[in-house]
PDB file of N, CA and C in Angstrom:
ATOM      1  N   UNK A   1       3.988  -9.009  20.115  1.00  0.00           N
ATOM      2  CA  UNK A   1       3.154  -8.266  18.909  1.00  0.00           C
ATOM      3  C   UNK A   1       3.945  -7.827  17.628  1.00  0.00           C
ATOM      4  N   UNK A   2       4.823  -7.476  18.208  1.00  0.00           N
ATOM      5  CA  UNK A   2       5.814  -7.103  16.580  1.00  0.00           C
ATOM      6  C   UNK A   2       5.465  -5.454  16.089  1.00  0.00           C
ATOM      7  N   UNK A   3       6.639  -5.591  15.464  1.00  0.00           N
ATOM      8  CA  UNK A   3       6.827  -4.089  14.683  1.00  0.00           C
ATOM      9  C   UNK A   3       5.654  -3.819  13.516  1.00  0.00           C
ATOM     10  N   UNK A   4       4.187  -3.028  13.678  1.00  0.00           N
ATOM     11  CA  UNK A   4       3.459  -2.637  12.876  1.00  0.00           C
ATOM     12  C   UNK A   4       4.098  -1.948  11.322  1.00  0.00           C
ATOM     13  N   UNK A   5       3.592  -2.418  10.242  1.00  0.00           N
ATOM     14  CA  UNK A   5       3.584  -2.502   9.210  1.00  0.00           C
ATOM     15  C   UNK A   5       2.351  -2.327   7.922  1.00  0.00           C
ATOM     16  N   UNK A   6       2.631  -1.198   7.513  1.00  0.00           N
ATOM     17  CA  UNK A   6       1.507  -1.722   6.192  1.00  0.00           C
ATOM     18  C   UNK A   6       2.348  -1.781   4.833  1.00  0.00           C
ATOM     19  N   UNK A   7       1.704  -2.988   4.347  1.00  0.00           N
ATOM     20  CA  UNK A   7       2.807  -3.718   3.217  1.00  0.00           C
ATOM     21  C   UNK A   7       2.013  -3.461   1.924  1.00  0.00           C
ATOM     22  N   UNK A   8       2.823  -2.678   1.139  1.00  0.00           N
ATOM     23  CA  UNK A   8       2.037  -1.967  -0.234  1.00  0.00           C
ATOM     24  C   UNK A   8       2.824  -3.023  -1.356  1.00  0.00           C
ATOM     25  N   UNK A   9       1.181  -3.747  -2.227  1.00  0.00           N
ATOM     26  CA  UNK A   9       2.435  -4.623  -3.161  1.00  0.00           C
ATOM     27  C   UNK A   9       0.764  -4.340  -4.248  1.00  0.00           C
ATOM     28  N   UNK A  10       1.157  -5.029  -5.032  1.00  0.00           N
ATOM     29  CA  UNK A  10      -0.111  -5.082  -6.425  1.00  0.00           C
ATOM     30  C   UNK A  10      -0.167  -6.581  -6.329  1.00  0.00           C
ATOM     31  N   UNK A  11      -0.436  -7.344  -5.920  1.00  0.00           N
ATOM     32  CA  UNK A  11      -0.185  -8.810  -5.863  1.00  0.00           C
ATOM     33  C   UNK A  11      -1.392  -9.189  -4.475  1.00  0.00           C
ATOM     34  N   UNK A  12      -1.634  -8.693  -3.884  1.00  0.00           N
ATOM     35  CA  UNK A  12      -2.097  -8.736  -2.887  1.00  0.00           C
ATOM     36  C   UNK A  12      -3.020 -10.265  -2.356  1.00  0.00           C
ATOM     37  N   UNK A  13      -3.228 -11.195  -3.476  1.00  0.00           N
ATOM     38  CA  UNK A  13      -3.588 -12.597  -2.548  1.00  0.00           C
ATOM     39  C   UNK A  13      -2.529 -12.913  -1.993  1.00  0.00           C
ATOM     40  N   UNK A  14      -1.035 -12.386  -2.224  1.00  0.00           N
ATOM     41  CA  UNK A  14       0.674 -13.213  -1.604  1.00  0.00           C
ATOM     42  C   UNK A  14       0.335 -12.426  -0.372  1.00  0.00           C
ATOM     43  N   UNK A  15       0.176 -11.343  -0.375  1.00  0.00           N
ATOM     44  CA  UNK A  15       0.340 -10.207   1.540  1.00  0.00           C
ATOM     45  C   UNK A  15      -0.370 -10.994   2.382  1.00  0.00           C
ATOM     46  N   UNK A  16      -1.362 -11.427   1.750  1.00  0.00           N
ATOM     47  CA  UNK A  16      -2.919 -12.377   1.928  1.00  0.00           C
ATOM     48  C   UNK A  16      -2.308 -13.492   2.840  1.00  0.00           C
ATOM     49  N   UNK A  17      -1.948 -14.392   1.296  1.00  0.00           N
ATOM     50  CA  UNK A  17      -1.394 -15.326   2.528  1.00  0.00           C
ATOM     51  C   UNK A  17      -0.395 -15.338   3.184  1.00  0.00           C
ATOM     52  N   UNK A  18       0.171 -14.884   3.093  1.00  0.00           N
ATOM     53  CA  UNK A  18       2.059 -14.614   4.304  1.00  0.00           C
ATOM     54  C   UNK A  18       1.022 -13.919   6.141  1.00  0.00           C
ATOM     55  N   UNK A  19       0.001 -13.559   6.039  1.00  0.00           N
ATOM     56  CA  UNK A  19      -0.582 -13.048   7.625  1.00  0.00           C
ATOM     57  C   UNK A  19      -0.332 -11.529   7.343  1.00  0.00           C
ATOM     58  N   UNK A  20      -0.549 -10.664   6.276  1.00  0.00           N
ATOM     59  CA  UNK A  20       0.186  -9.507   6.930  1.00  0.00           C
ATOM     60  C   UNK A  20      -1.489  -9.288   7.023  1.00  0.00           C
ATOM     61  N   UNK A  21      -1.839  -7.957   7.761  1.00  0.00           N
ATOM     62  CA  UNK A  21      -2.307  -7.505   8.837  1.00  0.00           C
ATOM     63  C   UNK A  21      -2.686  -5.688   7.759  1.00  0.00           C
ATOM     64  N   UNK A  22      -1.790  -5.181   7.409  1.00  0.00           N
ATOM     65  CA  UNK A  22      -2.549  -4.421   6.539  1.00  0.00           C
ATOM     66  C   UNK A  22      -1.704  -4.331   5.372  1.00  0.00           C
ATOM     67  N   UNK A  23      -2.378  -3.767   4.157  1.00  0.00           N
ATOM     68  CA  UNK A  23      -2.273  -4.573   3.143  1.00  0.00           C
ATOM     69  C   UNK A  23      -2.826  -3.413   2.344  1.00  0.00           C
ATOM     70  N   UNK A  24      -1.895  -2.912   1.458  1.00  0.00           N
ATOM     71  CA  UNK A  24      -2.725  -1.223   0.487  1.00  0.00           C
ATOM     72  C   UNK A  24      -2.099  -1.798  -1.087  1.00  0.00           C
ATOM     73  N   UNK A  25      -3.433  -2.041  -1.804  1.00  0.00           N
ATOM     74  CA  UNK A  25      -3.248  -1.776  -2.658  1.00  0.00           C
ATOM     75  C   UNK A  25      -2.386  -1.274  -3.810  1.00  0.00           C
ATOM     76  N   UNK A  26      -1.292  -1.679  -4.208  1.00  0.00           N
ATOM     77  CA  UNK A  26      -0.423  -0.516  -5.032  1.00  0.00           C
ATOM     78  C   UNK A  26      -1.041  -0.602  -6.577  1.00  0.00           C
ATOM     79  N   UNK A  27      -0.398   0.107  -7.116  1.00  0.00           N
ATOM     80  CA  UNK A  27      -0.369   0.205  -9.132  1.00  0.00           C
ATOM     81  C   UNK A  27      -0.169  -0.730  -9.829  1.00  0.00           C
ATOM     82  N   UNK A  28       1.045  -1.631  -9.814  1.00  0.00           N
ATOM     83  CA  UNK A  28       1.327  -2.043 -10.665  1.00  0.00           C
ATOM     84  C   UNK A  28       2.425  -3.192 -10.045  1.00  0.00           C
ATOM     85  N   UNK A  29       2.922  -4.410 -10.405  1.00  0.00           N
ATOM     86  CA  UNK A  29       4.238  -5.204  -9.932  1.00  0.00           C
ATOM     87  C   UNK A  29       5.301  -4.278 -10.055  1.00  0.00           C
ATOM     88  N   UNK A  30       5.404  -3.891 -11.403  1.00  0.00           N
ATOM     89  CA  UNK A  30       6.549  -3.509 -11.441  1.00  0.00           C
ATOM     90  C   UNK A  30       6.751  -1.601 -11.062  1.00  0.00           C
ATOM     91  N   UNK A  31       5.998  -1.026 -10.676  1.00  0.00           N
ATOM     92  CA  UNK A  31       6.036   0.341  -9.439  1.00  0.00           C
ATOM     93  C   UNK A  31       4.800   0.463  -9.121  1.00  0.00           C
ATOM     94  N   UNK A  32       4.653  -0.630  -7.778  1.00  0.00           N
ATOM     95  CA  UNK A  32       3.826  -0.613  -6.731  1.00  0.00           C
ATOM     96  C   UNK A  32       3.764   0.915  -6.231  1.00  0.00           C
ATOM     97  N   UNK A  33       4.024   1.574  -6.138  1.00  0.00           N
ATOM     98  CA  UNK A  33       3.712   3.507  -5.703  1.00  0.00           C
ATOM     99  C   UNK A  33       3.776   4.331  -6.718  1.00  0.00           C
ATOM    100  N   UNK A  34       4.240   3.678  -8.179  1.00  0.00           N
ATOM    101  CA  UNK A  34       3.803   4.803  -9.206  1.00  0.00           C
ATOM    102  C   UNK A  34       3.757   4.392 -10.143  1.00  0.00           C
ATOM    103  N   UNK A  35       3.729   5.127 -11.004  1.00  0.00           N
ATOM    104  CA  UNK A  35       3.092   5.230 -12.215  1.00  0.00           C
ATOM    105  C   UNK A  35       3.680   6.267 -13.606  1.00  0.00           C
ATOM    106  N   UNK A  36       4.121   5.012 -14.529  1.00  0.00           N
ATOM    107  CA  UNK A  36       5.246   5.767 -15.322  1.00  0.00           C
ATOM    108  C   UNK A  36       4.432   6.841 -16.433  1.00  0.00           C
ATOM    109  N   UNK A  37       2.984   6.396 -16.889  1.00  0.00           N
ATOM    110  CA  UNK A  37       2.452   7.117 -16.952  1.00  0.00           C
ATOM    111  C   UNK A  37       1.986   8.552 -17.041  1.00  0.00           C
ATOM    112  N   UNK A  38       2.512   9.242 -15.284  1.00  0.00           N
ATOM    113  CA  UNK A  38       2.220  10.329 -15.431  1.00  0.00           C
ATOM    114  C   UNK A  38       3.343  11.485 -15.447  1.00  0.00           C
ATOM    115  N   UNK A  39       3.157  12.372 -15.252  1.00  0.00           N
ATOM    116  CA  UNK A  39       4.103  13.400 -15.540  1.00  0.00           C
ATOM    117  C   UNK A  39       5.074  13.543 -14.008  1.00  0.00           C
ATOM    118  N   UNK A  40       6.230  13.919 -14.253  1.00  0.00           N
ATOM    119  CA  UNK A  40       7.390  14.208 -13.056  1.00  0.00           C
ATOM    120  C   UNK A  40       6.081  14.692 -11.534  1.00  0.00           C
ATOM    121  N   UNK A  41       5.374  15.372 -11.994  1.00  0.00           N
ATOM    122  CA  UNK A  41       4.771  16.075 -10.465  1.00  0.00           C
ATOM    123  C   UNK A  41       3.516  15.925 -10.704  1.00  0.00           C
ATOM    124  N   UNK A  42       3.066  15.240 -11.430  1.00  0.00           N
ATOM    125  CA  UNK A  42       1.603  14.264 -10.587  1.00  0.00           C
ATOM    126  C   UNK A  42       2.093  12.418 -10.393  1.00  0.00           C
ATOM    127  N   UNK A  43       3.212  11.670 -10.580  1.00  0.00           N
ATOM    128  CA  UNK A  43       3.822  11.039 -10.286  1.00  0.00           C
ATOM    129  C   UNK A  43       4.218  11.657  -8.560  1.00  0.00           C
ATOM    130  N   UNK A  44       5.057  11.992  -8.503  1.00  0.00           N
ATOM    131  CA  UNK A  44       5.366  12.807  -6.977  1.00  0.00           C
ATOM    132  C   UNK A  44       3.860  13.148  -6.241  1.00  0.00           C
ATOM    133  N   UNK A  45       2.901  13.100  -6.446  1.00  0.00           N
ATOM    134  CA  UNK A  45       1.706  13.809  -5.720  1.00  0.00           C
ATOM    135  C   UNK A  45       0.824  12.450  -5.345  1.00  0.00           C
ATOM    136  N   UNK A  46       1.203  11.074  -6.421  1.00  0.00           N
ATOM    137  CA  UNK A  46       0.544  10.043  -6.426  1.00  0.00           C
ATOM    138  C   UNK A  46       1.481   9.006  -5.137  1.00  0.00           C
ATOM    139  N   UNK A  47       3.031   9.652  -4.796  1.00  0.00           N
ATOM    140  CA  UNK A  47       3.464   8.392  -4.687  1.00  0.00           C
ATOM    141  C   UNK A  47       2.860   9.313  -3.285  1.00  0.00           C
ATOM    142  N   UNK A  48       3.708  10.611  -2.652  1.00  0.00           N
ATOM    143  CA  UNK A  48       2.833  10.834  -1.722  1.00  0.00           C
ATOM    144  C   UNK A  48       1.669  10.591  -0.992  1.00  0.00           C
ATOM    145  N   UNK A  49       0.509   9.975  -2.147  1.00  0.00           N
ATOM    146  CA  UNK A  49      -0.822   9.613  -1.064  1.00  0.00           C
ATOM    147  C   UNK A  49      -0.478   8.129  -1.147  1.00  0.00           C
ATOM    148  N   UNK A  50       0.426   6.959  -1.890  1.00  0.00           N
ATOM    149  CA  UNK A  50       1.167   6.179  -1.070  1.00  0.00           C
ATOM    150  C   UNK A  50       1.265   6.141   0.304  1.00  0.00           C
ATOM    151  N   UNK A  51       2.061   7.376   0.677  1.00  0.00           N
ATOM    152  CA  UNK A  51       2.816   7.048   1.584  1.00  0.00           C
ATOM    153  C   UNK A  51       2.183   7.512   3.003  1.00  0.00           C
ATOM    154  N   UNK A  52       1.371   8.443   2.919  1.00  0.00           N
ATOM    155  CA  UNK A  52       0.219   8.755   2.897  1.00  0.00           C
ATOM    156  C   UNK A  52      -0.504   8.245   4.514  1.00  0.00           C
ATOM    157  N   UNK A  53      -0.989   7.014   3.114  1.00  0.00           N
ATOM    158  CA  UNK A  53      -2.274   6.713   2.907  1.00  0.00           C
ATOM    159  C   UNK A  53      -1.842   5.309   3.847  1.00  0.00           C
ATOM    160  N   UNK A  54      -0.490   4.594   3.866  1.00  0.00           N
ATOM    161  CA  UNK A  54      -0.187   3.797   4.392  1.00  0.00           C
ATOM    162  C   UNK A  54       0.453   3.666   5.804  1.00  0.00           C
ATOM    163  N   UNK A  55       0.863   5.128   6.471  1.00  0.00           N
ATOM    164  CA  UNK A  55       1.066   5.694   7.587  1.00  0.00           C
ATOM    165  C   UNK A  55      -0.397   5.637   7.892  1.00  0.00           C
ATOM    166  N   UNK A  56      -1.608   6.508   7.786  1.00  0.00           N
ATOM    167  CA  UNK A  56      -3.083   6.202   8.106  1.00  0.00           C
ATOM    168  C   UNK A  56      -3.216   4.827   9.009  1.00  0.00           C
ATOM    169  N   UNK A  57      -3.100   3.913   7.748  1.00  0.00           N
ATOM    170  CA  UNK A  57      -3.470   2.687   8.162  1.00  0.00           C
ATOM    171  C   UNK A  57      -2.562   1.741   8.974  1.00  0.00           C
ATOM    172  N   UNK A  58      -1.137   2.599   9.405  1.00  0.00           N
ATOM    173  CA  UNK A  58      -0.651   1.669  10.993  1.00  0.00           C
ATOM    174  C   UNK A  58      -1.170   2.822  12.192  1.00  0.00           C
ATOM    175  N   UNK A  59      -2.010   3.729  11.828  1.00  0.00           N
ATOM    176  CA  UNK A  59      -3.189   4.307  13.394  1.00  0.00           C
ATOM    177  C   UNK A  59      -4.142   3.760  13.629  1.00  0.00           C
ATOM    178  N   UNK A  60      -4.679   2.985  13.172  1.00  0.00           N
ATOM    179  CA  UNK A  60      -5.980   1.993  13.141  1.00  0.00           C
ATOM    180  C   UNK A  60      -5.054  -0.041  13.520  1.00  0.00           C
ATOM    181  N   UNK A  61      -5.800  -0.132  14.218  1.00  0.00           N
ATOM    182  CA  UNK A  61      -5.700  -2.044  14.762  1.00  0.00           C
ATOM    183  C   UNK A  61      -5.611  -2.762  13.241  1.00  0.00           C
ATOM    184  N   UNK A  62      -4.741  -2.911  12.984  1.00  0.00           N
ATOM    185  CA  UNK A  62      -5.199  -4.288  11.847  1.00  0.00           C
ATOM    186  C   UNK A  62      -5.692  -5.306  11.520  1.00  0.00           C
ATOM    187  N   UNK A  63      -6.689  -5.686  10.826  1.00  0.00           N
ATOM    188  CA  UNK A  63      -7.249  -7.153  10.488  1.00  0.00           C
ATOM    189  C   UNK A  63      -6.209  -8.520   9.533  1.00  0.00           C
ATOM    190  N   UNK A  64      -6.171  -8.906   9.649  1.00  0.00           N
ATOM    191  CA  UNK A  64      -5.847 -10.317   8.834  1.00  0.00           C
ATOM    192  C   UNK A  64      -6.736 -10.410   7.600  1.00  0.00           C
ATOM    193  N   UNK A  65      -5.551  -9.613   6.624  1.00  0.00           N
ATOM    194  CA  UNK A  65      -6.486 -10.151   5.120  1.00  0.00           C
ATOM    195  C   UNK A  65      -6.860  -8.548   4.875  1.00  0.00           C
ATOM    196  N   UNK A  66      -7.281  -8.037   5.377  1.00  0.00           N
ATOM    197  CA  UNK A  66      -7.465  -6.373   5.047  1.00  0.00           C
ATOM    198  C   UNK A  66      -6.786  -5.950   3.658  1.00  0.00           C
ATOM    199  N   UNK A  67      -7.778  -5.307   2.710  1.00  0.00           N
ATOM    200  CA  UNK A  67      -6.900  -4.724   2.250  1.00  0.00           C
ATOM    201  C   UNK A  67      -7.710  -3.560   1.620  1.00  0.00           C
ATOM    202  N   UNK A  68      -6.792  -2.559   2.069  1.00  0.00           N
ATOM    203  CA  UNK A  68      -7.265  -0.987   1.131  1.00  0.00           C
ATOM    204  C   UNK A  68      -6.714  -0.826  -0.172  1.00  0.00           C
ATOM    205  N   UNK A  69      -7.868   0.354  -0.374  1.00  0.00           N
ATOM    206  CA  UNK A  69      -7.166   1.059  -1.738  1.00  0.00           C
ATOM    207  C   UNK A  69      -6.666   2.526  -1.769  1.00  0.00           C
ATOM    208  N   UNK A  70      -5.933   3.050  -2.637  1.00  0.00           N
ATOM    209  CA  UNK A  70      -5.706   4.235  -2.432  1.00  0.00           C
ATOM    210  C   UNK A  70      -6.592   5.516  -2.733  1.00  0.00           C
ATOM    211  N   UNK A  71      -7.673   5.085  -3.532  1.00  0.00           N
ATOM    212  CA  UNK A  71      -8.845   5.444  -3.822  1.00  0.00           C
ATOM    213  C   UNK A  71      -9.828   6.328  -2.703  1.00  0.00           C
TER     214      UNK A  71
END
């Protein structure tokens, strides 16, 4: 069965090709959970939303190739 994980990545095709069952689309390749255009406070909030969404996804059964967005 393995350890449940949520993979956060900007290039979801790679995550799909390796069989990830919980994929969260990240912001960009260079900063999947960050956004350098935001203020420090807003970026902290954005990062927290990614982590909360990833944790929420762990509470649900994984499905191969399932991709969710932070929005």
